[in-house]
N, C-alpha and C. Protein backbone atom coordinates (compact mmCIF):
# COMPACT_ATOMS: atom_id res chain seq x y z
N UNK A 1 101.51 75.24 67.66
CA UNK A 1 101.96 74.28 68.65
C UNK A 1 103.21 74.78 69.37
N UNK A 2 104.14 75.40 68.61
CA UNK A 2 105.36 75.91 69.21
C UNK A 2 105.03 76.98 70.25
N UNK A 3 104.06 77.87 69.94
CA UNK A 3 103.69 78.92 70.87
C UNK A 3 103.13 78.31 72.16
N UNK A 4 102.30 77.29 72.06
CA UNK A 4 101.75 76.64 73.25
C UNK A 4 102.87 75.99 74.07
N UNK A 5 103.84 75.38 73.40
CA UNK A 5 104.97 74.77 74.10
C UNK A 5 105.76 75.83 74.85
N UNK A 6 106.01 76.99 74.22
CA UNK A 6 106.75 78.07 74.88
C UNK A 6 105.98 78.61 76.08
N UNK A 7 104.64 78.68 75.97
CA UNK A 7 103.82 79.18 77.07
C UNK A 7 103.87 78.23 78.27
N UNK A 8 104.12 76.97 78.04
CA UNK A 8 104.15 75.98 79.11
C UNK A 8 105.56 75.61 79.56
N UNK A 9 106.58 76.18 78.92
CA UNK A 9 107.96 75.87 79.27
C UNK A 9 108.26 76.36 80.68
N UNK A 10 108.84 75.48 81.48
CA UNK A 10 109.18 75.83 82.86
C UNK A 10 110.69 75.92 83.02
N UNK A 11 111.10 76.80 83.90
CA UNK A 11 112.49 76.89 84.32
C UNK A 11 112.49 77.36 85.77
N UNK A 12 113.63 77.17 86.43
CA UNK A 12 113.71 77.56 87.83
C UNK A 12 115.09 78.07 88.17
N UNK A 13 115.18 78.71 89.32
CA UNK A 13 116.45 79.13 89.88
C UNK A 13 116.30 79.08 91.40
N UNK A 14 117.40 79.15 92.10
CA UNK A 14 117.38 79.12 93.56
C UNK A 14 118.12 80.35 94.07
N UNK A 15 117.50 81.04 95.04
CA UNK A 15 118.12 82.19 95.68
C UNK A 15 118.12 81.95 97.18
N UNK A 16 119.12 82.47 97.86
CA UNK A 16 119.17 82.37 99.31
C UNK A 16 118.42 83.55 99.92
N UNK A 17 117.76 83.30 101.03
CA UNK A 17 117.03 84.35 101.74
C UNK A 17 117.31 84.20 103.23
N UNK A 18 116.92 85.18 104.02
CA UNK A 18 117.09 85.04 105.46
C UNK A 18 116.29 83.88 106.05
N UNK A 19 115.39 83.30 105.27
CA UNK A 19 114.54 82.21 105.73
C UNK A 19 114.88 80.90 105.05
N UNK A 20 116.05 80.84 104.44
CA UNK A 20 116.48 79.63 103.75
C UNK A 20 116.37 79.78 102.24
N UNK A 21 116.85 78.78 101.50
CA UNK A 21 116.80 78.83 100.04
C UNK A 21 115.36 78.89 99.52
N UNK A 22 115.17 79.70 98.49
CA UNK A 22 113.87 79.81 97.82
C UNK A 22 114.04 79.37 96.38
N UNK A 23 113.19 78.48 95.93
CA UNK A 23 113.19 78.06 94.53
C UNK A 23 112.13 78.86 93.81
N UNK A 24 112.56 79.61 92.80
CA UNK A 24 111.64 80.38 91.96
C UNK A 24 111.39 79.58 90.70
N UNK A 25 110.13 79.47 90.30
CA UNK A 25 109.75 78.72 89.10
C UNK A 25 109.01 79.67 88.17
N UNK A 26 109.31 79.58 86.89
CA UNK A 26 108.60 80.37 85.88
C UNK A 26 107.97 79.44 84.87
N UNK A 27 106.79 79.80 84.43
CA UNK A 27 106.08 79.08 83.38
C UNK A 27 105.84 80.06 82.25
N UNK A 28 106.34 79.73 81.07
CA UNK A 28 106.16 80.63 79.94
C UNK A 28 106.76 82.00 80.16
N UNK A 29 107.82 82.08 80.93
CA UNK A 29 108.50 83.35 81.17
C UNK A 29 107.89 84.21 82.25
N UNK A 30 106.91 83.68 83.00
CA UNK A 30 106.25 84.43 84.07
C UNK A 30 106.35 83.64 85.37
N UNK A 31 106.64 84.33 86.47
CA UNK A 31 106.81 83.66 87.76
C UNK A 31 105.55 82.90 88.15
N UNK A 32 105.71 81.60 88.42
CA UNK A 32 104.56 80.75 88.75
C UNK A 32 104.72 79.99 90.06
N UNK A 33 105.90 80.07 90.68
CA UNK A 33 106.11 79.36 91.92
C UNK A 33 107.24 79.96 92.73
N UNK A 34 107.09 79.91 94.05
CA UNK A 34 108.15 80.27 94.99
C UNK A 34 108.01 79.26 96.12
N UNK A 35 109.02 78.42 96.26
CA UNK A 35 108.94 77.32 97.22
C UNK A 35 110.15 77.31 98.14
N UNK A 36 109.88 77.06 99.43
CA UNK A 36 110.93 76.85 100.41
C UNK A 36 111.35 75.39 100.33
N UNK A 37 112.59 75.12 100.70
CA UNK A 37 113.14 73.77 100.57
C UNK A 37 112.30 72.71 101.27
N UNK A 38 111.84 73.00 102.47
CA UNK A 38 111.11 72.02 103.27
C UNK A 38 109.60 72.26 103.27
N UNK A 39 109.12 72.97 102.28
CA UNK A 39 107.71 73.36 102.24
C UNK A 39 106.78 72.19 101.96
N UNK A 40 105.71 72.15 102.72
CA UNK A 40 104.64 71.19 102.47
C UNK A 40 103.99 71.57 101.14
N UNK A 41 103.53 70.64 100.38
CA UNK A 41 102.91 70.83 99.06
C UNK A 41 103.91 71.33 98.02
N UNK A 42 105.20 71.17 98.28
CA UNK A 42 106.21 71.55 97.29
C UNK A 42 106.20 70.50 96.18
N UNK A 43 106.05 70.95 94.92
CA UNK A 43 106.09 69.97 93.82
C UNK A 43 107.46 69.31 93.74
N UNK A 44 107.55 68.17 93.08
CA UNK A 44 108.85 67.51 92.92
C UNK A 44 109.80 68.38 92.09
N UNK A 45 111.06 68.34 92.46
CA UNK A 45 112.10 69.15 91.81
C UNK A 45 112.09 68.99 90.29
N UNK A 46 111.88 67.77 89.81
CA UNK A 46 111.92 67.53 88.36
C UNK A 46 110.80 68.25 87.61
N UNK A 47 109.78 68.72 88.32
CA UNK A 47 108.69 69.45 87.65
C UNK A 47 109.01 70.93 87.45
N UNK A 48 110.16 71.39 87.97
CA UNK A 48 110.51 72.80 87.91
C UNK A 48 111.15 73.23 86.59
N UNK A 49 111.51 72.30 85.73
CA UNK A 49 112.13 72.64 84.46
C UNK A 49 113.61 72.89 84.59
N UNK A 50 114.18 73.45 83.53
CA UNK A 50 115.62 73.68 83.46
C UNK A 50 116.07 74.73 84.48
N UNK A 51 117.33 74.62 84.89
CA UNK A 51 117.90 75.57 85.84
C UNK A 51 118.33 76.83 85.09
N UNK A 52 117.90 77.98 85.60
CA UNK A 52 118.30 79.26 85.05
C UNK A 52 119.06 80.05 86.10
N UNK A 53 119.57 81.21 85.72
CA UNK A 53 120.30 82.08 86.64
C UNK A 53 119.34 83.11 87.25
N UNK A 54 119.60 83.55 88.49
CA UNK A 54 118.72 84.52 89.14
C UNK A 54 118.57 85.83 88.38
N UNK A 55 119.58 86.18 87.57
CA UNK A 55 119.48 87.44 86.82
C UNK A 55 118.94 87.26 85.41
N UNK A 56 118.53 86.03 85.06
CA UNK A 56 117.89 85.78 83.77
C UNK A 56 116.43 86.21 83.85
N UNK A 57 115.91 86.71 82.69
CA UNK A 57 114.46 86.85 82.69
C UNK A 57 113.89 85.45 82.78
N UNK A 58 112.92 85.17 83.47
CA UNK A 58 111.98 86.03 84.18
C UNK A 58 112.30 86.24 85.65
N UNK A 59 113.49 85.85 86.08
CA UNK A 59 113.79 85.87 87.52
C UNK A 59 114.37 87.19 88.02
N UNK A 60 114.92 88.01 87.14
CA UNK A 60 115.60 89.24 87.58
C UNK A 60 114.67 90.14 88.39
N UNK A 61 113.47 90.38 87.89
CA UNK A 61 112.54 91.26 88.61
C UNK A 61 112.12 90.63 89.94
N UNK A 62 111.88 89.34 89.94
CA UNK A 62 111.47 88.65 91.17
C UNK A 62 112.58 88.72 92.22
N UNK A 63 113.82 88.46 91.82
CA UNK A 63 114.91 88.49 92.79
C UNK A 63 115.13 89.91 93.31
N UNK A 64 114.95 90.91 92.46
CA UNK A 64 115.10 92.30 92.91
C UNK A 64 114.00 92.67 93.90
N UNK A 65 112.76 92.28 93.60
CA UNK A 65 111.67 92.59 94.53
C UNK A 65 111.82 91.83 95.84
N UNK A 66 112.25 90.59 95.79
CA UNK A 66 112.49 89.83 97.02
C UNK A 66 113.62 90.45 97.83
N UNK A 67 114.69 90.88 97.16
CA UNK A 67 115.79 91.55 97.87
C UNK A 67 115.27 92.79 98.58
N UNK A 68 114.47 93.60 97.88
CA UNK A 68 113.92 94.82 98.48
C UNK A 68 112.97 94.49 99.64
N UNK A 69 112.18 93.44 99.49
CA UNK A 69 111.28 93.01 100.57
C UNK A 69 112.09 92.64 101.81
N UNK A 70 113.11 91.79 101.64
CA UNK A 70 113.90 91.35 102.78
C UNK A 70 114.74 92.47 103.38
N UNK A 71 114.97 93.54 102.62
CA UNK A 71 115.68 94.70 103.14
C UNK A 71 114.71 95.67 103.84
N UNK A 72 113.42 95.35 103.82
CA UNK A 72 112.42 96.21 104.43
C UNK A 72 112.03 97.40 103.57
N UNK A 73 112.39 97.37 102.29
CA UNK A 73 112.15 98.49 101.38
C UNK A 73 110.90 98.30 100.53
N UNK A 74 110.32 97.11 100.49
CA UNK A 74 109.18 96.82 99.62
C UNK A 74 108.06 96.20 100.45
N UNK A 75 106.88 96.76 100.33
CA UNK A 75 105.72 96.25 101.08
C UNK A 75 104.76 95.46 100.19
N UNK A 76 104.69 95.80 98.92
CA UNK A 76 103.77 95.15 97.98
C UNK A 76 104.53 94.73 96.73
N UNK A 77 104.39 93.48 96.35
CA UNK A 77 105.04 92.97 95.14
C UNK A 77 104.22 93.37 93.92
N UNK A 78 104.91 93.75 92.85
CA UNK A 78 104.21 94.16 91.63
C UNK A 78 104.52 93.25 90.45
N UNK A 79 105.38 92.28 90.64
CA UNK A 79 105.78 91.40 89.55
C UNK A 79 104.57 90.64 88.99
N UNK A 80 104.58 90.43 87.68
CA UNK A 80 103.52 89.65 87.04
C UNK A 80 103.63 88.20 87.50
N UNK A 81 102.46 87.60 87.78
CA UNK A 81 102.42 86.22 88.28
C UNK A 81 101.56 85.36 87.36
N UNK A 82 101.94 84.11 87.26
CA UNK A 82 101.18 83.10 86.52
C UNK A 82 100.61 82.14 87.56
N UNK A 83 99.41 82.45 88.04
CA UNK A 83 98.79 81.65 89.10
C UNK A 83 97.90 80.58 88.49
N UNK A 84 98.23 79.33 88.76
CA UNK A 84 97.45 78.21 88.25
C UNK A 84 96.69 77.58 89.41
N UNK A 85 95.38 77.53 89.27
CA UNK A 85 94.53 76.93 90.29
C UNK A 85 93.09 77.05 89.86
N UNK A 86 92.21 76.59 90.71
CA UNK A 86 90.78 76.70 90.42
C UNK A 86 90.36 78.17 90.53
N UNK A 87 89.21 78.52 89.98
CA UNK A 87 88.74 79.91 90.14
C UNK A 87 88.63 80.31 91.62
N UNK A 88 88.17 79.40 92.48
CA UNK A 88 88.08 79.72 93.90
C UNK A 88 89.46 79.96 94.50
N UNK A 89 90.42 79.08 94.20
CA UNK A 89 91.78 79.27 94.71
C UNK A 89 92.34 80.62 94.26
N UNK A 90 92.17 80.95 93.00
CA UNK A 90 92.70 82.22 92.50
C UNK A 90 92.02 83.42 93.19
N UNK A 91 90.73 83.29 93.52
CA UNK A 91 90.06 84.38 94.23
C UNK A 91 90.62 84.52 95.65
N UNK A 92 90.91 83.40 96.30
CA UNK A 92 91.53 83.45 97.63
C UNK A 92 92.91 84.08 97.53
N UNK A 93 93.70 83.67 96.56
CA UNK A 93 95.06 84.21 96.42
C UNK A 93 95.03 85.70 96.12
N UNK A 94 94.04 86.15 95.34
CA UNK A 94 93.89 87.59 95.07
C UNK A 94 93.56 88.33 96.37
N UNK A 95 92.72 87.73 97.19
CA UNK A 95 92.36 88.35 98.47
C UNK A 95 93.56 88.39 99.42
N UNK A 96 94.40 87.36 99.38
CA UNK A 96 95.62 87.37 100.20
C UNK A 96 96.49 88.57 99.87
N UNK A 97 96.55 88.91 98.60
CA UNK A 97 97.40 90.04 98.16
C UNK A 97 96.85 91.38 98.65
N UNK A 98 95.61 91.40 99.11
CA UNK A 98 95.02 92.64 99.64
C UNK A 98 95.29 92.82 101.14
N UNK A 99 95.83 91.81 101.80
CA UNK A 99 96.14 91.95 103.22
C UNK A 99 97.36 92.85 103.34
N UNK A 100 97.24 93.98 104.03
CA UNK A 100 98.37 94.91 104.12
C UNK A 100 99.58 94.29 104.82
N UNK A 101 100.73 94.71 104.39
CA UNK A 101 102.01 94.34 104.99
C UNK A 101 101.94 94.60 106.50
N UNK A 102 102.38 93.64 107.29
CA UNK A 102 102.41 93.81 108.74
C UNK A 102 101.10 93.52 109.44
N UNK A 103 100.05 93.18 108.68
CA UNK A 103 98.75 92.87 109.27
C UNK A 103 98.40 91.41 109.02
N UNK A 104 97.40 90.94 109.74
CA UNK A 104 96.92 89.57 109.55
C UNK A 104 95.40 89.59 109.38
N UNK A 105 94.89 88.50 108.83
CA UNK A 105 93.46 88.27 108.70
C UNK A 105 93.20 86.82 109.06
N UNK A 106 92.01 86.54 109.55
CA UNK A 106 91.64 85.16 109.84
C UNK A 106 91.05 84.53 108.59
N UNK A 107 90.97 83.21 108.60
CA UNK A 107 90.34 82.50 107.49
C UNK A 107 88.89 82.96 107.33
N UNK A 108 88.21 83.19 108.45
CA UNK A 108 86.83 83.67 108.41
C UNK A 108 86.72 85.05 107.80
N UNK A 109 87.66 85.94 108.13
CA UNK A 109 87.64 87.27 107.53
C UNK A 109 87.84 87.20 106.02
N UNK A 110 88.72 86.31 105.58
CA UNK A 110 88.92 86.14 104.14
C UNK A 110 87.66 85.60 103.49
N UNK A 111 87.02 84.62 104.13
CA UNK A 111 85.78 84.06 103.58
C UNK A 111 84.71 85.15 103.48
N UNK A 112 84.60 85.99 104.51
CA UNK A 112 83.65 87.11 104.47
C UNK A 112 83.97 88.05 103.32
N UNK A 113 85.25 88.39 103.16
CA UNK A 113 85.66 89.30 102.09
C UNK A 113 85.33 88.73 100.71
N UNK A 114 85.32 87.42 100.61
CA UNK A 114 84.99 86.76 99.34
C UNK A 114 83.48 86.60 99.16
N UNK A 115 82.70 87.05 100.15
CA UNK A 115 81.25 86.96 100.06
C UNK A 115 80.70 85.58 100.36
N UNK A 116 81.50 84.75 101.04
CA UNK A 116 81.09 83.39 101.35
C UNK A 116 81.50 83.07 102.79
N UNK A 117 80.76 83.62 103.78
CA UNK A 117 81.19 83.50 105.17
C UNK A 117 81.31 82.08 105.71
N UNK A 118 80.72 81.12 105.04
CA UNK A 118 80.81 79.73 105.51
C UNK A 118 81.97 78.97 104.87
N UNK A 119 82.84 79.66 104.17
CA UNK A 119 83.91 79.00 103.41
C UNK A 119 85.26 79.05 104.10
N UNK A 120 85.31 79.23 105.41
CA UNK A 120 86.60 79.33 106.11
C UNK A 120 87.51 78.14 105.84
N UNK A 121 86.95 76.95 105.90
CA UNK A 121 87.75 75.74 105.68
C UNK A 121 88.27 75.69 104.24
N UNK A 122 87.43 76.03 103.28
CA UNK A 122 87.85 76.05 101.87
C UNK A 122 88.92 77.11 101.64
N UNK A 123 88.79 78.25 102.33
CA UNK A 123 89.82 79.29 102.25
C UNK A 123 91.14 78.74 102.78
N UNK A 124 91.09 78.01 103.89
CA UNK A 124 92.30 77.41 104.45
C UNK A 124 92.96 76.43 103.50
N UNK A 125 92.15 75.62 102.83
CA UNK A 125 92.71 74.66 101.86
C UNK A 125 93.35 75.38 100.69
N UNK A 126 92.70 76.43 100.18
CA UNK A 126 93.27 77.20 99.07
C UNK A 126 94.54 77.90 99.51
N UNK A 127 94.53 78.42 100.73
CA UNK A 127 95.71 79.09 101.29
C UNK A 127 96.89 78.12 101.33
N UNK A 128 96.63 76.89 101.73
CA UNK A 128 97.68 75.88 101.81
C UNK A 128 98.24 75.45 100.47
N UNK A 129 97.50 75.69 99.40
CA UNK A 129 97.95 75.32 98.05
C UNK A 129 98.59 76.50 97.32
N UNK A 130 98.76 77.62 97.99
CA UNK A 130 99.35 78.80 97.37
C UNK A 130 100.74 78.48 96.82
N UNK A 131 100.95 78.65 95.51
CA UNK A 131 102.25 78.31 94.93
C UNK A 131 103.29 79.43 95.02
N UNK A 132 102.90 80.59 95.54
CA UNK A 132 103.81 81.73 95.55
C UNK A 132 103.88 82.38 96.92
N UNK A 133 104.21 81.56 97.94
CA UNK A 133 104.34 82.09 99.29
C UNK A 133 105.27 83.30 99.33
N UNK A 134 105.09 84.13 100.29
CA UNK A 134 105.76 85.41 100.51
C UNK A 134 105.20 86.44 99.55
N UNK A 135 105.27 86.20 98.24
CA UNK A 135 104.75 87.16 97.26
C UNK A 135 103.22 87.22 97.34
N UNK A 136 102.58 86.08 97.41
CA UNK A 136 101.15 85.99 97.73
C UNK A 136 101.15 85.60 99.21
N UNK A 137 100.97 86.58 100.11
CA UNK A 137 101.33 86.42 101.52
C UNK A 137 100.39 85.56 102.37
N UNK A 138 100.43 84.27 102.14
CA UNK A 138 99.61 83.34 102.93
C UNK A 138 100.07 83.30 104.39
N UNK A 139 101.28 83.77 104.68
CA UNK A 139 101.75 83.80 106.06
C UNK A 139 100.98 84.81 106.91
N UNK A 140 100.21 85.70 106.28
CA UNK A 140 99.44 86.72 107.00
C UNK A 140 98.08 86.22 107.47
N UNK A 141 97.80 84.94 107.28
CA UNK A 141 96.50 84.39 107.69
C UNK A 141 96.67 83.61 108.99
N UNK A 142 95.79 83.91 109.94
CA UNK A 142 95.85 83.30 111.27
C UNK A 142 94.49 82.70 111.63
N UNK A 143 94.45 81.99 112.74
CA UNK A 143 93.19 81.43 113.22
C UNK A 143 92.25 82.52 113.71
N UNK A 144 90.99 82.16 113.95
CA UNK A 144 89.97 83.11 114.38
C UNK A 144 90.37 83.83 115.67
N UNK A 145 91.13 83.15 116.53
CA UNK A 145 91.56 83.74 117.80
C UNK A 145 92.91 84.43 117.70
N UNK A 146 93.44 84.56 116.47
CA UNK A 146 94.73 85.21 116.27
C UNK A 146 95.92 84.29 116.39
N UNK A 147 95.68 83.02 116.69
CA UNK A 147 96.79 82.08 116.85
C UNK A 147 97.35 81.67 115.49
N UNK A 148 98.60 81.26 115.52
CA UNK A 148 99.23 80.77 114.29
C UNK A 148 98.64 79.42 113.95
N UNK A 149 98.33 79.25 112.70
CA UNK A 149 97.81 77.98 112.20
C UNK A 149 98.66 77.57 111.01
N UNK A 150 98.38 76.44 110.44
CA UNK A 150 99.18 75.84 109.39
C UNK A 150 99.86 76.79 108.43
N UNK A 151 101.07 76.46 108.10
CA UNK A 151 101.86 77.20 107.12
C UNK A 151 102.81 76.21 106.48
N UNK A 152 102.81 76.16 105.16
CA UNK A 152 103.63 75.19 104.43
C UNK A 152 105.11 75.29 104.76
N UNK A 153 105.57 76.48 105.14
CA UNK A 153 106.97 76.67 105.48
C UNK A 153 107.27 76.45 106.95
N UNK A 154 106.25 76.06 107.73
CA UNK A 154 106.43 75.82 109.16
C UNK A 154 106.00 77.02 109.99
N UNK A 155 105.46 76.74 111.17
CA UNK A 155 104.95 77.81 112.02
C UNK A 155 106.04 78.74 112.53
N UNK A 156 107.24 78.21 112.78
CA UNK A 156 108.34 79.07 113.23
C UNK A 156 108.68 80.10 112.16
N UNK A 157 108.76 79.66 110.92
CA UNK A 157 109.07 80.57 109.81
C UNK A 157 107.93 81.58 109.62
N UNK A 158 106.70 81.13 109.78
CA UNK A 158 105.54 82.03 109.67
C UNK A 158 105.65 83.13 110.72
N UNK A 159 105.95 82.74 111.97
CA UNK A 159 106.08 83.72 113.03
C UNK A 159 107.20 84.71 112.73
N UNK A 160 108.32 84.21 112.24
CA UNK A 160 109.45 85.10 111.91
C UNK A 160 109.08 86.07 110.79
N UNK A 161 108.34 85.61 109.77
CA UNK A 161 107.90 86.51 108.70
C UNK A 161 106.96 87.59 109.24
N UNK A 162 106.02 87.19 110.08
CA UNK A 162 105.10 88.17 110.66
C UNK A 162 105.85 89.16 111.55
N UNK A 163 106.77 88.66 112.37
CA UNK A 163 107.57 89.54 113.22
C UNK A 163 108.41 90.49 112.38
N UNK A 164 108.99 89.99 111.30
CA UNK A 164 109.79 90.83 110.41
C UNK A 164 108.92 91.97 109.85
N UNK A 165 107.73 91.63 109.37
CA UNK A 165 106.86 92.65 108.78
C UNK A 165 106.39 93.66 109.82
N UNK A 166 106.34 93.26 111.07
CA UNK A 166 105.93 94.17 112.14
C UNK A 166 107.11 94.94 112.72
N UNK A 167 108.30 94.69 112.20
CA UNK A 167 109.49 95.40 112.66
C UNK A 167 110.07 94.89 113.95
N UNK A 168 109.76 93.65 114.32
CA UNK A 168 110.30 93.07 115.56
C UNK A 168 111.80 92.83 115.40
N UNK A 169 112.61 93.21 116.39
CA UNK A 169 114.05 92.97 116.28
C UNK A 169 114.39 91.48 116.22
N UNK A 170 115.38 91.16 115.41
CA UNK A 170 115.87 89.79 115.31
C UNK A 170 115.01 88.86 114.48
N UNK A 171 113.97 89.37 113.84
CA UNK A 171 113.05 88.51 113.10
C UNK A 171 113.62 88.01 111.78
N UNK A 172 114.62 88.69 111.25
CA UNK A 172 115.17 88.31 109.96
C UNK A 172 115.90 86.98 110.00
N UNK A 173 116.40 86.60 111.11
CA UNK A 173 117.17 85.35 111.14
C UNK A 173 118.65 85.66 110.97
N UNK A 174 119.44 84.64 111.00
CA UNK A 174 120.88 84.81 110.89
C UNK A 174 121.28 84.95 109.45
N UNK A 175 122.21 85.86 109.19
CA UNK A 175 122.70 86.04 107.83
C UNK A 175 123.55 84.86 107.40
N UNK A 176 123.54 84.57 106.10
CA UNK A 176 124.35 83.48 105.56
C UNK A 176 124.95 83.94 104.24
N UNK A 177 126.03 83.36 103.93
CA UNK A 177 126.63 83.62 102.63
C UNK A 177 125.82 82.91 101.56
N UNK A 178 125.73 83.52 100.40
CA UNK A 178 125.07 82.85 99.29
C UNK A 178 125.85 81.59 98.94
N UNK A 179 125.16 80.48 98.77
CA UNK A 179 125.83 79.24 98.42
C UNK A 179 126.17 79.25 96.94
N UNK A 180 127.07 78.41 96.55
CA UNK A 180 127.49 78.35 95.16
C UNK A 180 126.29 78.17 94.25
N UNK A 181 126.19 79.04 93.26
CA UNK A 181 125.09 78.97 92.32
C UNK A 181 123.81 79.63 92.79
N UNK A 182 123.80 80.17 94.02
CA UNK A 182 122.61 80.81 94.56
C UNK A 182 122.92 82.28 94.80
N UNK A 183 122.01 83.13 94.43
CA UNK A 183 122.12 84.55 94.73
C UNK A 183 121.64 84.77 96.16
N UNK A 184 122.42 85.51 96.95
CA UNK A 184 121.98 85.86 98.30
C UNK A 184 121.18 87.15 98.22
N UNK A 185 119.98 87.16 98.77
CA UNK A 185 119.09 88.31 98.69
C UNK A 185 119.27 89.29 99.84
N UNK A 186 120.21 89.06 100.71
CA UNK A 186 120.35 89.92 101.88
C UNK A 186 121.80 90.19 102.14
């Protein structure tokens, strides 16, 4: 019973990024969530568990990879993830991780890649429930015509992330000092 309790124990920390504060959540010592403050589908704060420090395991590797990503030094995240969802959602999230840095795919292209070309809408719903935005790059998914479509962090932030990955000047946003208790990643 103790082992099961430890596997389900949650903790969180908050780090500052060029796109605003990011809440990192770990379940059983493995990263299970990355949420923006104003994100749609963000779980309630009380579900995140105890507050930990950004340099505590399991957050140290995540904060280092995020720092490298925001510095333009990291294209693919390698940190271990604890993805909780239906088998279909997990298959969509795995496919999201295959979208190369700086590129986009449509919901239809993802459905095709999953072998279910009629599942565009279901892919969109799974994309919207992604608990690890940025690391599982749901921001790289666009409409069939290439237009920006729903993003839990807002379309402006989605555009800035895409522009950043494409090397567009000014896409990072304005620098800010790390707030008290938050590690600044940039």
